[in-house]
Amino acid sequence: MSWSDPSTIVDMVRTLEERGLFDVVVIGDQLAIASKLGNSTDVYVKYGLDGLMFDPMPLAGAIMAATSKIGVVATLNTSLWPPQVLSRAMHTLKQLSQGRTGLNIVTGVTERAKDNFDLAIRGHDASYDFAEAYLTECRNIWRDFEAADHVAVPGVPAGPVIMQAGSSDRGKDFAAANASIVLTHQNTVQSMKAFYDDIKARVRKFGRNEDDCKVFFTTKPIVGLTDEDAEQERRLLASSPEISSEIGLARFSQRIGVDLSGADLDKPLEGDVPGQTRQSTTGRSLSMYQQYYGDDKTRRPPLREVALQEAMKETTGVQGSPETVASRMIELMTEVGGDGFAIRGGLSPRKVSTFVDKVIPELQRRNAVRSAYTGTTLRDHLAQF
């Protein structure tokens, strides 16, 4: 979403609610401007990549004040917010929104975030251990709040809806034990299905009903009047100044925790580059690397191709006419068994309007999405499908 004008963001979310009937909008956050590529912030500042964004908490309040149905998830880091402070703030938002609040828990801390806020950097698994204890304390506080408010519902977890995007083994366990929403970036149908089945198995392992934990796959649809129009739009986007190998390398470097400024773009990123395929203190290296270079040894894309996908924020490719996009989204969910999609990256009023006015009616016509809200809370929305 645009970081320069909060009113634009609020207007887009209102459109997603009124014309798109979306479940939820997720407000991301970064505690520092990235600097992994070339050990410098230059590229990240030049293109406005990551870190240039509003504080999620007041923005969530502004969105909630302007809407009445759509859920709003704020991304917050457990290392920055003391649990007592976060619990109070999230409970306030939950009460003001009448149950539409969600919390996306982030556990990792980068070196620059550490310096910005004087935070501790924990090991990968230790970060999740800390988050488990942190969330337990928050839930105890939320239970006390709800008991005082006389709003506790038996069998429903206290507090806001929890979202998680961890993709390491420890991260997936944390999500399966605690989250109602799991977001994931996957590039193939095979990896989508493997991730979905893995999460659902872990949910059952922790004694939960698998329907209480929804898996949403990120995608960035390209919609045109026809399939040919959509392909032309993608080509124009790929050749625009907003998209470059430099942008893609900067994003991928940050995601896997390795400076790729000297890498050969025409070759796959191979082997055990030190630190690259091991879990880092940010918990991102291995799983992000495997998004492109996983178990499928026949699929070894050159780094230039990876950089283009990263620059365009492409994961599961969905493009074409509204009818084609709707069909492809339904086909993917049927094949994978997933619970839905999360539309990612680079939203603009035009793109939002195109999707909600062209694709959503097609999905509604095929009974794949709601035609009206039947509940008022985020938990209600998630339980509808």
Protein backbone atom coordinates (compact mmCIF):
# COMPACT_ATOMS: atom_id res chain seq x y z
CA MET A 1 0.00 0.00 0.00
CA SER A 2 1.09 3.58 -0.61
CA TRP A 3 3.20 4.89 2.28
CA SER A 4 3.00 8.58 1.37
CA ASP A 5 -0.71 9.29 1.91
CA PRO A 6 -2.68 7.55 4.67
CA SER A 7 -6.01 8.76 3.30
CA THR A 8 -5.34 6.80 0.09
CA ILE A 9 -4.80 3.67 2.16
CA VAL A 10 -8.02 4.20 4.11
CA ASP A 11 -9.98 4.79 0.89
CA MET A 12 -8.60 1.60 -0.69
CA VAL A 13 -9.55 -0.47 2.37
CA ARG A 14 -13.03 1.02 2.29
CA THR A 15 -13.29 -0.12 -1.33
CA LEU A 16 -12.09 -3.62 -0.39
CA GLU A 17 -14.87 -3.76 2.20
CA GLU A 18 -17.76 -2.13 0.35
CA ARG A 19 -17.22 -3.58 -3.13
CA GLY A 20 -14.85 -6.48 -2.49
CA LEU A 21 -16.26 -7.90 0.78
CA PHE A 22 -12.72 -8.91 1.80
CA ASP A 23 -12.07 -10.78 5.04
CA VAL A 24 -9.15 -8.72 6.21
CA VAL A 25 -6.43 -6.22 5.37
CA VAL A 26 -2.92 -6.71 6.77
CA ILE A 27 -0.77 -3.71 7.71
CA GLY A 28 2.90 -4.63 7.41
CA ASP A 29 5.82 -3.12 9.31
CA GLN A 30 9.60 -2.95 9.32
CA LEU A 31 11.69 -1.60 12.19
CA ALA A 32 14.51 -0.41 9.95
CA ILE A 33 15.39 0.38 6.37
CA ALA A 34 17.15 -2.65 4.91
CA SER A 35 20.85 -2.57 4.02
CA LYS A 36 21.82 -6.11 3.01
CA LEU A 37 22.65 -5.43 -0.67
CA GLY A 38 26.12 -3.91 -0.74
CA ASN A 39 25.91 -3.35 3.02
CA SER A 40 24.15 -0.06 2.27
CA THR A 41 20.69 1.49 2.48
CA ASP A 42 21.21 3.28 -0.85
CA VAL A 43 19.16 0.99 -3.11
CA TYR A 44 16.41 0.55 -0.52
CA VAL A 45 16.03 4.32 -0.07
CA LYS A 46 16.33 5.03 -3.80
CA TYR A 47 13.34 2.83 -4.64
CA GLY A 48 11.41 3.18 -1.39
CA LEU A 49 11.79 -0.51 -0.50
CA ASP A 50 10.78 -1.77 2.95
CA GLY A 51 10.95 0.34 6.07
CA LEU A 52 9.27 3.40 4.55
CA MET A 53 5.83 2.88 6.05
CA PHE A 54 3.44 4.13 8.69
CA ASP A 55 3.24 2.81 12.23
CA PRO A 56 0.63 0.01 12.08
CA MET A 57 -1.21 0.82 15.31
CA PRO A 58 -2.54 4.33 14.57
CA LEU A 59 -3.10 3.35 10.92
CA ALA A 60 -5.19 0.37 12.08
CA GLY A 61 -7.26 2.73 14.22
CA ALA A 62 -7.83 5.07 11.28
CA ILE A 63 -8.95 2.18 9.05
CA MET A 64 -11.28 0.81 11.70
CA ALA A 65 -12.88 4.22 12.19
CA ALA A 66 -13.64 4.38 8.45
CA THR A 67 -15.00 0.82 8.09
CA SER A 68 -17.49 -1.44 9.82
CA LYS A 69 -16.97 -5.01 8.60
CA ILE A 70 -13.49 -5.77 7.25
CA GLY A 71 -10.91 -7.20 9.63
CA VAL A 72 -7.69 -5.28 10.26
CA VAL A 73 -4.42 -7.03 11.17
CA ALA A 74 -1.53 -4.97 12.56
CA THR A 75 2.03 -6.31 12.34
CA LEU A 76 3.91 -5.93 15.63
CA ASN A 77 7.32 -7.17 16.78
CA THR A 78 7.51 -8.95 20.12
CA SER A 79 10.94 -7.46 20.79
CA LEU A 80 9.70 -3.87 20.52
CA TRP A 81 6.42 -4.03 22.40
CA PRO A 82 6.28 -5.12 26.06
CA PRO A 83 3.42 -7.62 26.39
CA GLN A 84 1.54 -5.47 28.90
CA VAL A 85 1.57 -2.49 26.50
CA LEU A 86 0.67 -4.52 23.42
CA SER A 87 -2.14 -6.35 25.24
CA ARG A 88 -3.77 -3.09 26.29
CA ALA A 89 -3.43 -1.51 22.84
CA MET A 90 -4.80 -4.54 20.98
CA HIS A 91 -7.70 -4.94 23.42
CA THR A 92 -8.58 -1.29 22.91
CA LEU A 93 -8.62 -1.77 19.12
CA LYS A 94 -10.67 -4.93 19.49
CA GLN A 95 -13.29 -3.14 21.57
CA LEU A 96 -13.40 -0.08 19.31
CA SER A 97 -13.76 -2.27 16.20
CA GLN A 98 -16.17 -4.71 17.85
CA GLY A 99 -13.99 -7.74 17.22
CA ARG A 100 -12.36 -6.96 13.87
CA THR A 101 -8.76 -6.83 15.13
CA GLY A 102 -5.90 -9.16 14.28
CA LEU A 103 -2.25 -9.33 15.33
CA ASN A 104 0.53 -10.44 12.99
CA ILE A 105 3.34 -11.52 15.30
CA VAL A 106 6.91 -10.94 14.12
CA THR A 107 9.75 -12.46 16.14
CA GLY A 108 12.96 -11.62 14.27
CA VAL A 109 15.20 -8.56 14.69
CA THR A 110 17.74 -7.37 12.11
CA GLU A 111 21.00 -5.67 13.01
CA ARG A 112 19.69 -2.30 11.89
CA ALA A 113 16.48 -2.73 13.90
CA LYS A 114 18.60 -3.64 16.91
CA ASP A 115 20.54 -0.41 16.52
CA ASN A 116 17.42 1.69 15.91
CA PHE A 117 15.59 0.57 19.02
CA ASP A 118 18.31 -0.96 21.23
CA LEU A 119 16.73 -4.40 20.94
CA ALA A 120 18.10 -7.84 21.74
CA ILE A 121 18.85 -10.28 18.92
CA ARG A 122 17.94 -13.85 19.82
CA GLY A 123 18.69 -17.04 17.95
CA HIS A 124 16.06 -18.29 15.53
CA ASP A 125 14.41 -20.91 17.74
CA ALA A 126 14.94 -18.77 20.84
CA SER A 127 12.92 -16.00 19.18
CA TYR A 128 9.96 -18.34 18.85
CA ASP A 129 10.40 -19.62 22.40
CA PHE A 130 10.24 -16.01 23.54
CA ALA A 131 7.16 -15.41 21.38
CA GLU A 132 5.39 -18.43 22.92
CA ALA A 133 5.91 -17.08 26.43
CA TYR A 134 5.05 -13.58 25.24
CA LEU A 135 1.74 -14.66 23.69
CA THR A 136 0.84 -16.70 26.77
CA GLU A 137 1.29 -13.59 28.92
CA CYS A 138 -0.78 -11.52 26.49
CA ARG A 139 -3.60 -14.06 26.50
CA ASN A 140 -3.66 -14.12 30.30
CA ILE A 141 -4.05 -10.34 30.25
CA TRP A 142 -6.74 -10.50 27.56
CA ARG A 143 -8.67 -13.09 29.57
CA ASP A 144 -8.61 -10.75 32.55
CA PHE A 145 -9.83 -7.87 30.38
CA GLU A 146 -12.63 -9.95 28.89
CA ALA A 147 -13.71 -11.27 32.27
CA ALA A 148 -13.97 -7.69 33.50
CA ASP A 149 -15.89 -6.70 30.36
CA HIS A 150 -18.14 -9.80 30.63
CA VAL A 151 -17.46 -10.63 26.97
CA ALA A 152 -15.48 -13.88 27.26
CA VAL A 153 -16.75 -16.62 24.91
CA PRO A 154 -16.09 -20.25 25.97
CA GLY A 155 -13.82 -22.10 23.55
CA VAL A 156 -12.71 -18.94 21.73
CA PRO A 157 -9.11 -17.78 22.31
CA ALA A 158 -8.87 -14.54 24.25
CA GLY A 159 -7.70 -11.46 22.42
CA PRO A 160 -7.39 -10.62 18.73
CA VAL A 161 -7.07 -13.08 15.86
CA ILE A 162 -3.42 -14.18 15.59
CA MET A 163 -1.65 -14.26 12.24
CA GLN A 164 1.78 -15.71 11.48
CA ALA A 165 3.97 -16.01 8.41
CA GLY A 166 6.76 -18.22 9.71
CA SER A 167 7.95 -20.85 7.22
CA SER A 168 10.76 -22.57 9.11
CA ASP A 169 9.93 -25.74 11.06
CA ARG A 170 9.87 -23.81 14.33
CA GLY A 171 7.84 -21.03 12.74
CA LYS A 172 5.29 -23.46 11.36
CA ASP A 173 4.94 -25.11 14.77
CA PHE A 174 4.35 -21.71 16.36
CA ALA A 175 1.75 -20.88 13.72
CA ALA A 176 0.01 -24.25 14.02
CA ALA A 177 -0.23 -23.94 17.79
CA ASN A 178 -1.35 -20.31 17.95
CA ALA A 179 -2.47 -18.74 14.68
CA SER A 180 -5.87 -18.46 13.04
CA ILE A 181 -4.29 -17.15 9.82
CA VAL A 182 -1.06 -18.36 8.21
CA LEU A 183 0.37 -16.40 5.27
CA THR A 184 2.88 -17.99 2.95
CA HIS A 185 4.78 -17.20 -0.27
CA GLN A 186 4.92 -20.25 -2.55
CA ASN A 187 5.90 -20.38 -6.22
CA THR A 188 4.52 -23.72 -7.41
CA VAL A 189 1.38 -25.78 -6.98
CA GLN A 190 3.50 -28.56 -5.49
CA SER A 191 5.02 -26.31 -2.83
CA MET A 192 1.61 -24.80 -2.07
CA LYS A 193 0.08 -28.21 -1.45
CA ALA A 194 3.07 -29.41 0.58
CA PHE A 195 2.93 -26.32 2.80
CA TYR A 196 -0.84 -26.56 3.25
CA ASP A 197 -0.75 -30.24 4.17
CA ASP A 198 2.18 -29.66 6.53
CA ILE A 199 0.44 -26.83 8.40
CA LYS A 200 -2.82 -28.75 8.74
CA ALA A 201 -0.97 -31.81 10.07
CA ARG A 202 0.81 -29.65 12.64
CA VAL A 203 -2.49 -28.03 13.65
CA ARG A 204 -3.93 -31.48 14.35
CA LYS A 205 -0.76 -32.40 16.25
CA PHE A 206 -1.43 -29.53 18.64
CA GLY A 207 -4.99 -30.75 19.24
CA ARG A 208 -6.70 -28.01 17.27
CA ASN A 209 -9.44 -28.22 14.65
CA GLU A 210 -7.72 -27.65 11.31
CA ASP A 211 -10.55 -25.35 10.18
CA ASP A 212 -9.54 -22.95 12.97
CA CYS A 213 -6.24 -22.22 11.19
CA LYS A 214 -6.62 -20.82 7.67
CA VAL A 215 -3.75 -20.92 5.16
CA PHE A 216 -3.67 -18.01 2.71
CA PHE A 217 -1.29 -18.03 -0.26
CA THR A 218 0.06 -14.71 -1.48
CA THR A 219 -0.52 -13.77 -5.09
CA LYS A 220 -0.36 -10.62 -7.21
CA PRO A 221 -2.98 -10.94 -9.95
CA ILE A 222 -2.49 -9.09 -13.23
CA VAL A 223 -5.93 -8.39 -14.66
CA GLY A 224 -6.71 -7.18 -18.18
CA LEU A 225 -9.79 -6.95 -20.35
CA THR A 226 -8.51 -10.06 -22.15
CA ASP A 227 -5.72 -12.56 -21.57
CA GLU A 228 -3.67 -10.73 -24.19
CA ASP A 229 -4.19 -7.39 -22.42
CA ALA A 230 -2.97 -8.91 -19.15
CA GLU A 231 0.14 -10.33 -20.81
CA GLN A 232 0.87 -6.94 -22.36
CA GLU A 233 0.44 -5.27 -18.96
CA ARG A 234 2.88 -7.72 -17.40
CA ARG A 235 5.46 -7.03 -20.12
CA LEU A 236 5.07 -3.28 -19.62
CA LEU A 237 5.41 -3.68 -15.86
CA ALA A 238 8.50 -5.87 -16.20
CA SER A 239 10.19 -3.23 -18.37
CA SER A 240 9.13 -0.22 -16.30
CA PRO A 241 11.52 1.83 -14.10
CA GLU A 242 9.70 0.44 -11.06
CA ILE A 243 11.06 -3.03 -11.86
CA SER A 244 14.76 -3.85 -12.14
CA SER A 245 17.28 -6.53 -11.25
CA GLU A 246 18.69 -4.13 -8.67
CA ILE A 247 15.34 -3.95 -6.88
CA GLY A 248 14.92 -7.72 -7.03
CA LEU A 249 18.43 -8.40 -5.75
CA ALA A 250 17.92 -5.92 -2.93
CA ARG A 251 14.73 -7.65 -1.84
CA PHE A 252 16.10 -11.17 -2.18
CA SER A 253 19.33 -10.25 -0.39
CA GLN A 254 17.32 -9.00 2.57
CA ARG A 255 15.01 -12.01 2.58
CA ILE A 256 17.77 -14.64 2.61
CA GLY A 257 20.24 -12.62 4.66
CA VAL A 258 23.06 -12.60 2.08
CA ASP A 259 24.64 -9.76 0.09
CA LEU A 260 24.10 -10.70 -3.57
CA SER A 261 25.71 -7.59 -5.05
CA GLY A 262 28.51 -9.63 -6.66
CA ALA A 263 26.45 -12.62 -7.79
CA ASP A 264 26.22 -13.77 -11.43
CA LEU A 265 22.67 -13.01 -12.58
CA ASP A 266 22.80 -15.56 -15.39
CA LYS A 267 23.41 -18.54 -13.12
CA PRO A 268 21.33 -20.16 -10.37
CA LEU A 269 22.28 -19.33 -6.82
CA GLU A 270 23.94 -22.60 -5.96
CA GLY A 271 25.23 -24.56 -3.03
CA ASP A 272 25.89 -23.75 0.57
CA VAL A 273 26.78 -20.09 0.35
CA PRO A 274 27.79 -19.35 3.97
CA GLY A 275 24.83 -18.26 6.03
CA GLN A 276 22.48 -18.48 3.10
CA THR A 277 20.85 -21.86 3.54
CA ARG A 278 21.00 -21.90 7.31
CA GLN A 279 18.55 -20.34 9.71
CA SER A 280 19.72 -16.89 10.71
CA THR A 281 18.85 -14.77 13.71
CA THR A 282 16.09 -13.26 11.59
CA GLY A 283 14.78 -16.76 10.84
CA ARG A 284 14.47 -16.04 7.14
CA SER A 285 17.46 -17.49 5.31
CA LEU A 286 16.62 -21.13 4.69
CA SER A 287 12.89 -20.91 3.99
CA MET A 288 13.21 -17.88 1.71
CA TYR A 289 16.05 -19.52 -0.22
CA GLN A 290 13.97 -22.68 -0.64
CA GLN A 291 11.10 -20.70 -2.15
CA TYR A 292 13.16 -20.73 -5.37
CA TYR A 293 15.73 -23.47 -4.77
CA GLY A 294 13.88 -26.16 -2.87
CA ASP A 295 13.69 -29.92 -3.26
CA ASP A 296 12.91 -29.81 -7.00
CA LYS A 297 16.41 -30.22 -8.45
CA THR A 298 15.11 -29.85 -12.01
CA ARG A 299 13.99 -26.31 -11.30
CA ARG A 300 17.08 -24.10 -10.87
CA PRO A 301 16.16 -20.60 -12.12
CA PRO A 302 18.95 -18.14 -12.89
CA LEU A 303 19.27 -15.34 -10.36
CA ARG A 304 18.04 -12.82 -12.95
CA GLU A 305 14.69 -14.64 -13.08
CA VAL A 306 14.50 -14.73 -9.29
CA ALA A 307 15.31 -11.02 -9.15
CA LEU A 308 12.50 -10.24 -11.60
CA GLN A 309 9.99 -12.20 -9.53
CA GLU A 310 11.18 -10.49 -6.36
CA ALA A 311 11.00 -7.05 -7.98
CA MET A 312 7.46 -7.74 -9.22
CA LYS A 313 6.48 -9.47 -5.96
CA GLU A 314 5.26 -12.49 -7.91
CA THR A 315 4.59 -15.75 -6.14
CA THR A 316 1.76 -17.90 -7.45
CA GLY A 317 1.25 -16.50 -10.95
CA VAL A 318 -2.34 -15.50 -11.72
CA GLN A 319 -3.03 -13.32 -14.75
CA GLY A 320 -5.52 -12.86 -17.57
CA SER A 321 -9.03 -11.60 -18.14
CA PRO A 322 -11.35 -11.40 -15.10
CA GLU A 323 -12.83 -14.75 -16.13
CA THR A 324 -9.39 -16.34 -16.50
CA VAL A 325 -8.14 -14.97 -13.18
CA ALA A 326 -11.24 -16.20 -11.35
CA SER A 327 -10.97 -19.63 -12.95
CA ARG A 328 -7.28 -19.93 -12.12
CA MET A 329 -7.80 -18.92 -8.49
CA ILE A 330 -10.54 -21.50 -8.09
CA GLU A 331 -8.46 -24.18 -9.83
CA LEU A 332 -5.51 -23.55 -7.52
CA MET A 333 -7.60 -23.76 -4.37
CA THR A 334 -9.30 -26.93 -5.62
CA GLU A 335 -5.96 -28.57 -6.39
CA VAL A 336 -4.12 -27.38 -3.29
CA GLY A 337 -6.96 -27.55 -0.80
CA GLY A 338 -6.07 -24.11 0.52
CA ASP A 339 -8.29 -21.65 2.32
CA GLY A 340 -7.76 -18.59 0.14
CA PHE A 341 -5.41 -15.98 -1.24
CA ALA A 342 -3.73 -12.89 0.13
CA ILE A 343 -3.40 -10.21 -2.55
CA ARG A 344 0.08 -8.78 -2.12
CA GLY A 345 2.25 -5.81 -2.92
CA GLY A 346 2.01 -2.62 -4.91
CA LEU A 347 -1.68 -1.89 -4.44
CA SER A 348 -3.07 1.25 -6.05
CA PRO A 349 -6.61 2.63 -6.29
CA ARG A 350 -6.79 1.54 -9.95
CA LYS A 351 -5.65 -2.02 -9.25
CA VAL A 352 -7.97 -2.34 -6.26
CA SER A 353 -10.95 -1.09 -8.29
CA THR A 354 -10.15 -3.42 -11.20
CA PHE A 355 -9.97 -6.46 -8.94
CA VAL A 356 -13.09 -5.76 -6.88
CA ASP A 357 -15.20 -4.62 -9.84
CA LYS A 358 -14.09 -7.24 -12.38
CA VAL A 359 -12.74 -10.34 -10.63
CA ILE A 360 -14.84 -10.40 -7.45
CA PRO A 361 -18.16 -10.53 -9.39
CA GLU A 362 -16.82 -13.51 -11.35
CA LEU A 363 -15.84 -15.28 -8.13
CA GLN A 364 -19.24 -14.45 -6.61
CA ARG A 365 -21.01 -15.82 -9.68
CA ARG A 366 -19.22 -19.12 -9.08
CA ASN A 367 -19.95 -19.11 -5.32
CA ALA A 368 -16.25 -18.96 -4.51
CA VAL A 369 -16.46 -15.83 -2.32
CA ARG A 370 -19.17 -14.18 -0.28
CA SER A 371 -21.85 -11.94 -1.76
CA ALA A 372 -22.57 -10.36 1.61
CA TYR A 373 -21.03 -10.30 5.06
CA THR A 374 -22.89 -12.69 7.36
CA GLY A 375 -20.99 -11.76 10.52
CA THR A 376 -19.42 -8.72 12.10
CA THR A 377 -16.11 -9.97 13.53
CA LEU A 378 -12.91 -11.19 11.90
CA ARG A 379 -13.47 -14.63 13.42
CA ASP A 380 -16.94 -14.67 11.81
CA HIS A 381 -15.43 -13.91 8.40
CA LEU A 382 -12.81 -16.65 8.70
CA ALA A 383 -15.45 -19.20 9.75
CA GLN A 384 -17.68 -18.46 6.75
CA PHE A 385 -15.57 -20.55 4.34
